[in-house]
N, C-alpha and C. Protein backbone atom coordinates (compact mmCIF):
# COMPACT_ATOMS: atom_id res chain seq x y z
N GLN A 1 1.12 -20.06 38.61
CA GLN A 1 0.57 -20.53 37.34
C GLN A 1 -0.10 -19.37 36.57
N ALA A 2 -0.79 -18.50 37.28
CA ALA A 2 -1.42 -17.35 36.64
C ALA A 2 -0.35 -16.45 36.03
N GLU A 3 0.77 -16.33 36.73
CA GLU A 3 1.86 -15.50 36.23
C GLU A 3 2.43 -16.09 34.93
N GLU A 4 2.56 -17.41 34.90
CA GLU A 4 3.06 -18.06 33.69
C GLU A 4 2.09 -17.88 32.53
N GLU A 5 0.81 -17.97 32.81
CA GLU A 5 -0.20 -17.77 31.77
C GLU A 5 -0.15 -16.34 31.23
N LEU A 6 0.05 -15.37 32.13
CA LEU A 6 0.16 -13.98 31.71
C LEU A 6 1.41 -13.77 30.84
N ARG A 7 2.50 -14.39 31.27
CA ARG A 7 3.73 -14.27 30.49
C ARG A 7 3.57 -14.90 29.11
N ALA A 8 2.91 -16.05 29.05
CA ALA A 8 2.68 -16.72 27.77
C ALA A 8 1.78 -15.86 26.87
N ALA A 9 0.72 -15.29 27.46
CA ALA A 9 -0.18 -14.43 26.69
C ALA A 9 0.56 -13.19 26.21
N TRP A 10 1.39 -12.61 27.12
CA TRP A 10 2.15 -11.42 26.75
C TRP A 10 3.14 -11.75 25.62
N SER A 11 3.77 -12.91 25.73
CA SER A 11 4.73 -13.35 24.71
C SER A 11 4.03 -13.55 23.37
N GLN A 12 2.84 -14.15 23.41
CA GLN A 12 2.08 -14.38 22.19
C GLN A 12 1.66 -13.04 21.56
N GLN A 13 1.21 -12.10 22.38
CA GLN A 13 0.80 -10.80 21.87
C GLN A 13 2.00 -10.03 21.30
N ALA A 14 3.14 -10.14 21.96
CA ALA A 14 4.35 -9.47 21.47
C ALA A 14 4.75 -10.06 20.12
N GLN A 15 4.62 -11.38 19.98
CA GLN A 15 4.94 -12.03 18.71
C GLN A 15 3.97 -11.57 17.61
N GLN A 16 2.69 -11.47 17.95
CA GLN A 16 1.70 -11.00 16.99
C GLN A 16 1.99 -9.55 16.57
N LEU A 17 2.40 -8.74 17.55
CA LEU A 17 2.74 -7.36 17.26
C LEU A 17 3.94 -7.27 16.32
N ARG A 18 4.96 -8.09 16.55
CA ARG A 18 6.12 -8.11 15.67
C ARG A 18 5.73 -8.54 14.25
N GLU A 19 4.85 -9.51 14.16
CA GLU A 19 4.38 -9.97 12.86
C GLU A 19 3.60 -8.86 12.13
N MET A 20 2.77 -8.14 12.87
CA MET A 20 2.03 -7.03 12.28
C MET A 20 2.98 -5.93 11.79
N GLU A 21 4.01 -5.65 12.56
CA GLU A 21 5.00 -4.65 12.16
C GLU A 21 5.73 -5.09 10.89
N ARG A 22 6.06 -6.37 10.84
CA ARG A 22 6.73 -6.90 9.65
C ARG A 22 5.83 -6.76 8.42
N ARG A 23 4.56 -7.09 8.58
CA ARG A 23 3.62 -6.97 7.47
C ARG A 23 3.45 -5.51 7.04
N GLU A 24 3.41 -4.61 8.03
CA GLU A 24 3.30 -3.19 7.71
C GLU A 24 4.50 -2.72 6.90
N ARG A 25 5.71 -3.14 7.29
CA ARG A 25 6.91 -2.77 6.54
C ARG A 25 6.83 -3.29 5.11
N LEU A 26 6.38 -4.53 4.95
CA LEU A 26 6.25 -5.10 3.61
C LEU A 26 5.23 -4.33 2.78
N LEU A 27 4.11 -3.98 3.39
CA LEU A 27 3.09 -3.22 2.67
C LEU A 27 3.60 -1.84 2.26
N ARG A 28 4.32 -1.18 3.16
CA ARG A 28 4.89 0.13 2.82
C ARG A 28 5.88 0.00 1.67
N SER A 29 6.68 -1.03 1.72
CA SER A 29 7.65 -1.27 0.66
C SER A 29 6.94 -1.52 -0.67
N ASP A 30 5.89 -2.33 -0.63
CA ASP A 30 5.11 -2.62 -1.84
C ASP A 30 4.46 -1.36 -2.38
N MET A 31 3.92 -0.52 -1.49
CA MET A 31 3.28 0.72 -1.92
C MET A 31 4.30 1.66 -2.56
N LYS A 32 5.48 1.74 -1.97
CA LYS A 32 6.53 2.60 -2.53
C LYS A 32 6.92 2.11 -3.92
N ARG A 33 7.10 0.81 -4.06
CA ARG A 33 7.47 0.23 -5.35
C ARG A 33 6.37 0.47 -6.38
N ALA A 34 5.10 0.30 -5.96
CA ALA A 34 3.99 0.53 -6.88
C ALA A 34 3.94 2.00 -7.33
N GLY A 35 4.22 2.91 -6.40
CA GLY A 35 4.25 4.34 -6.74
C GLY A 35 5.35 4.64 -7.75
N GLU A 36 6.51 4.05 -7.55
CA GLU A 36 7.62 4.25 -8.49
C GLU A 36 7.28 3.68 -9.86
N GLN A 37 6.63 2.52 -9.87
CA GLN A 37 6.24 1.92 -11.14
C GLN A 37 5.21 2.78 -11.86
N LEU A 38 4.28 3.38 -11.10
CA LEU A 38 3.28 4.25 -11.69
C LEU A 38 3.93 5.48 -12.31
N GLU A 39 4.86 6.09 -11.61
CA GLU A 39 5.57 7.25 -12.15
C GLU A 39 6.32 6.88 -13.43
N SER A 40 6.97 5.74 -13.40
CA SER A 40 7.71 5.28 -14.57
C SER A 40 6.76 5.05 -15.74
N PHE A 41 5.62 4.43 -15.45
CA PHE A 41 4.63 4.16 -16.49
C PHE A 41 4.09 5.46 -17.08
N LYS A 42 3.75 6.41 -16.21
CA LYS A 42 3.23 7.69 -16.69
C LYS A 42 4.24 8.38 -17.59
N THR A 43 5.49 8.36 -17.18
CA THR A 43 6.54 9.01 -17.96
C THR A 43 6.69 8.32 -19.32
N ARG A 44 6.65 6.98 -19.31
CA ARG A 44 6.77 6.26 -20.59
C ARG A 44 5.59 6.55 -21.50
N VAL A 45 4.39 6.61 -20.93
CA VAL A 45 3.20 6.91 -21.74
C VAL A 45 3.35 8.29 -22.36
N MET A 46 3.78 9.26 -21.56
CA MET A 46 3.93 10.61 -22.09
C MET A 46 5.05 10.68 -23.12
N GLN A 47 6.10 9.91 -22.93
CA GLN A 47 7.19 9.90 -23.91
C GLN A 47 6.70 9.34 -25.24
N VAL A 48 5.87 8.33 -25.17
CA VAL A 48 5.32 7.74 -26.40
C VAL A 48 4.31 8.69 -27.04
N CYS A 49 3.45 9.28 -26.20
CA CYS A 49 2.40 10.15 -26.72
C CYS A 49 2.93 11.49 -27.18
N SER A 50 3.86 12.04 -26.43
CA SER A 50 4.36 13.38 -26.72
C SER A 50 5.78 13.50 -26.22
N PRO A 51 6.74 13.02 -27.00
CA PRO A 51 8.13 13.01 -26.54
C PRO A 51 8.64 14.37 -26.09
N SER A 52 8.20 15.44 -26.73
CA SER A 52 8.71 16.76 -26.36
C SER A 52 8.17 17.22 -25.02
N ALA A 53 6.98 16.75 -24.64
CA ALA A 53 6.37 17.19 -23.38
C ALA A 53 6.87 16.39 -22.19
N ALA A 54 7.20 15.14 -22.40
CA ALA A 54 7.58 14.27 -21.29
C ALA A 54 8.96 14.60 -20.78
N GLY A 55 9.02 14.94 -19.53
CA GLY A 55 10.31 15.15 -18.90
C GLY A 55 11.00 16.43 -19.30
N SER A 56 10.41 17.23 -20.16
CA SER A 56 11.10 18.44 -20.60
C SER A 56 11.14 19.49 -19.51
N THR A 57 10.15 19.47 -18.62
CA THR A 57 10.12 20.46 -17.56
C THR A 57 10.82 19.97 -16.30
N GLY A 58 11.11 18.71 -16.26
CA GLY A 58 11.75 18.13 -15.09
C GLY A 58 10.76 17.81 -13.98
N LYS A 59 9.50 18.15 -14.19
CA LYS A 59 8.46 17.87 -13.19
C LYS A 59 7.86 16.50 -13.47
N PRO A 60 7.38 15.82 -12.42
CA PRO A 60 6.73 14.53 -12.66
C PRO A 60 5.45 14.72 -13.48
N VAL A 61 5.16 13.74 -14.29
CA VAL A 61 3.95 13.77 -15.12
C VAL A 61 2.76 13.41 -14.24
N THR A 62 1.69 14.20 -14.33
CA THR A 62 0.51 13.92 -13.51
C THR A 62 -0.41 12.93 -14.20
N GLU A 63 -1.25 12.30 -13.38
CA GLU A 63 -2.23 11.37 -13.94
C GLU A 63 -3.13 12.09 -14.94
N GLN A 64 -3.50 13.34 -14.60
CA GLN A 64 -4.39 14.11 -15.47
C GLN A 64 -3.75 14.36 -16.83
N GLN A 65 -2.44 14.63 -16.85
CA GLN A 65 -1.75 14.84 -18.12
C GLN A 65 -1.79 13.58 -18.96
N VAL A 66 -1.56 12.45 -18.31
CA VAL A 66 -1.58 11.18 -19.04
C VAL A 66 -2.98 10.91 -19.58
N ILE A 67 -3.99 11.12 -18.73
CA ILE A 67 -5.37 10.89 -19.14
C ILE A 67 -5.74 11.79 -20.32
N GLU A 68 -5.38 13.07 -20.23
CA GLU A 68 -5.70 14.00 -21.31
C GLU A 68 -5.00 13.61 -22.61
N LYS A 69 -3.74 13.20 -22.51
CA LYS A 69 -3.00 12.83 -23.72
C LYS A 69 -3.59 11.58 -24.35
N VAL A 70 -3.94 10.59 -23.52
CA VAL A 70 -4.55 9.36 -24.05
C VAL A 70 -5.91 9.68 -24.66
N ARG A 71 -6.67 10.56 -24.00
CA ARG A 71 -7.98 10.96 -24.54
C ARG A 71 -7.80 11.68 -25.88
N GLN A 72 -6.80 12.55 -25.96
CA GLN A 72 -6.53 13.27 -27.21
C GLN A 72 -6.19 12.30 -28.33
N ILE A 73 -5.33 11.33 -28.03
CA ILE A 73 -4.96 10.34 -29.04
C ILE A 73 -6.17 9.51 -29.46
N SER A 74 -6.99 9.17 -28.48
CA SER A 74 -8.21 8.40 -28.78
C SER A 74 -9.14 9.20 -29.69
N ASP A 75 -9.31 10.49 -29.38
CA ASP A 75 -10.17 11.34 -30.22
C ASP A 75 -9.61 11.45 -31.63
N GLU A 76 -8.30 11.64 -31.74
CA GLU A 76 -7.67 11.73 -33.05
C GLU A 76 -7.86 10.43 -33.84
N ASN A 77 -7.73 9.32 -33.14
CA ASN A 77 -7.93 8.01 -33.78
C ASN A 77 -9.37 7.87 -34.27
N LYS A 78 -10.32 8.30 -33.44
CA LYS A 78 -11.74 8.23 -33.82
C LYS A 78 -12.00 9.10 -35.04
N GLN A 79 -11.45 10.33 -35.05
CA GLN A 79 -11.63 11.22 -36.19
C GLN A 79 -11.01 10.62 -37.45
N SER A 80 -9.88 9.98 -37.29
CA SER A 80 -9.22 9.35 -38.42
C SER A 80 -10.08 8.23 -39.00
N HIS A 81 -10.69 7.43 -38.12
CA HIS A 81 -11.57 6.36 -38.59
C HIS A 81 -12.80 6.93 -39.29
N GLU A 82 -13.34 8.01 -38.75
CA GLU A 82 -14.51 8.63 -39.37
C GLU A 82 -14.15 9.18 -40.75
N ARG A 83 -12.98 9.80 -40.86
CA ARG A 83 -12.51 10.33 -42.14
C ARG A 83 -12.31 9.18 -43.13
N GLU A 84 -11.76 8.09 -42.65
CA GLU A 84 -11.55 6.92 -43.51
C GLU A 84 -12.88 6.39 -44.03
N LYS A 85 -13.89 6.31 -43.15
CA LYS A 85 -15.22 5.86 -43.57
C LYS A 85 -15.79 6.79 -44.64
N SER A 86 -15.63 8.09 -44.39
CA SER A 86 -16.14 9.08 -45.34
C SER A 86 -15.46 8.92 -46.70
N LEU A 87 -14.15 8.75 -46.68
CA LEU A 87 -13.42 8.57 -47.95
C LEU A 87 -13.81 7.27 -48.64
N GLN A 88 -14.06 6.21 -47.85
CA GLN A 88 -14.50 4.94 -48.44
C GLN A 88 -15.86 5.12 -49.13
N LYS A 89 -16.78 5.85 -48.47
CA LYS A 89 -18.09 6.10 -49.07
C LYS A 89 -17.95 6.90 -50.36
N GLU A 90 -17.10 7.93 -50.31
CA GLU A 90 -16.87 8.76 -51.49
C GLU A 90 -16.28 7.93 -52.63
N LEU A 91 -15.32 7.08 -52.29
CA LEU A 91 -14.70 6.22 -53.29
C LEU A 91 -15.72 5.26 -53.89
N SER A 92 -16.55 4.67 -53.03
CA SER A 92 -17.58 3.75 -53.52
C SER A 92 -18.56 4.47 -54.45
N SER A 93 -18.93 5.68 -54.07
CA SER A 93 -19.85 6.46 -54.89
C SER A 93 -19.23 6.77 -56.25
N ARG A 94 -17.96 7.18 -56.25
CA ARG A 94 -17.29 7.49 -57.52
C ARG A 94 -17.14 6.24 -58.39
N LEU A 95 -16.83 5.11 -57.75
CA LEU A 95 -16.71 3.87 -58.52
C LEU A 95 -18.05 3.48 -59.15
N ALA A 96 -19.13 3.67 -58.38
CA ALA A 96 -20.45 3.36 -58.92
C ALA A 96 -20.77 4.26 -60.11
N LYS A 97 -20.46 5.56 -59.98
CA LYS A 97 -20.69 6.49 -61.10
C LYS A 97 -19.83 6.12 -62.31
N GLU A 98 -18.59 5.72 -62.03
CA GLU A 98 -17.70 5.32 -63.11
C GLU A 98 -18.24 4.09 -63.84
N ARG A 99 -18.75 3.14 -63.09
CA ARG A 99 -19.35 1.94 -63.72
C ARG A 99 -20.56 2.32 -64.56
N GLU A 100 -21.35 3.24 -64.03
CA GLU A 100 -22.55 3.67 -64.76
C GLU A 100 -22.15 4.37 -66.07
N VAL A 101 -21.13 5.24 -65.99
CA VAL A 101 -20.66 5.93 -67.18
C VAL A 101 -20.10 4.92 -68.19
N SER A 102 -19.33 3.94 -67.68
CA SER A 102 -18.77 2.91 -68.56
C SER A 102 -19.86 2.12 -69.24
N ALA A 103 -20.89 1.79 -68.48
CA ALA A 103 -22.01 1.05 -69.06
C ALA A 103 -22.71 1.89 -70.12
N ASN A 104 -22.90 3.18 -69.83
CA ASN A 104 -23.55 4.06 -70.81
C ASN A 104 -22.69 4.20 -72.07
N ILE A 105 -21.38 4.24 -71.92
CA ILE A 105 -20.48 4.32 -73.08
C ILE A 105 -20.61 3.07 -73.92
N GLU A 106 -20.69 1.91 -73.29
CA GLU A 106 -20.87 0.65 -74.03
C GLU A 106 -22.18 0.65 -74.80
N VAL A 107 -23.22 1.14 -74.14
CA VAL A 107 -24.52 1.20 -74.81
C VAL A 107 -24.43 2.14 -76.02
N LEU A 108 -23.77 3.28 -75.82
CA LEU A 108 -23.61 4.25 -76.90
C LEU A 108 -22.78 3.67 -78.05
N LYS A 109 -21.69 2.94 -77.71
CA LYS A 109 -20.86 2.29 -78.74
C LYS A 109 -21.70 1.32 -79.56
N ASN A 110 -22.43 0.49 -78.83
CA ASN A 110 -23.27 -0.52 -79.52
C ASN A 110 -24.29 0.14 -80.42
N SER A 111 -24.88 1.24 -79.92
CA SER A 111 -25.87 1.94 -80.74
C SER A 111 -25.23 2.55 -81.98
N LEU A 112 -24.04 3.12 -81.83
CA LEU A 112 -23.33 3.70 -82.97
C LEU A 112 -22.96 2.62 -84.00
N GLN A 113 -22.53 1.46 -83.50
CA GLN A 113 -22.17 0.38 -84.43
C GLN A 113 -23.39 -0.11 -85.20
N LYS A 114 -24.54 -0.16 -84.53
CA LYS A 114 -25.76 -0.59 -85.19
C LYS A 114 -26.17 0.43 -86.25
N LEU A 115 -25.97 1.71 -85.92
CA LEU A 115 -26.34 2.76 -86.87
C LEU A 115 -25.44 2.73 -88.10
N GLN A 116 -24.20 2.32 -87.94
CA GLN A 116 -23.27 2.29 -89.08
C GLN A 116 -23.61 1.09 -89.92
């Protein structure tokens, strides 16, 4: 009976070991697929950000290259927004001056008409 119990325990442990091996293979497969997807994503990002730089050297694109390119685009976007704000302020200022000049011209016209 002890021998049967040992065989049953050994069989159960062997089954658990096979299950663990199966899970390990699945995890490795998932990791490989995720790595391939990451490389593909990095390449696509670089192609969108800088078509001439992506894939031109034949070397894989590094995470740092992608990060730097995205940061560069973000900075350019921020500068563009700041420039837009500046131009909006300048435009508003010029419009206000134009209104003031127009109002002064109307006052001057009215004064001239009264004088005539």
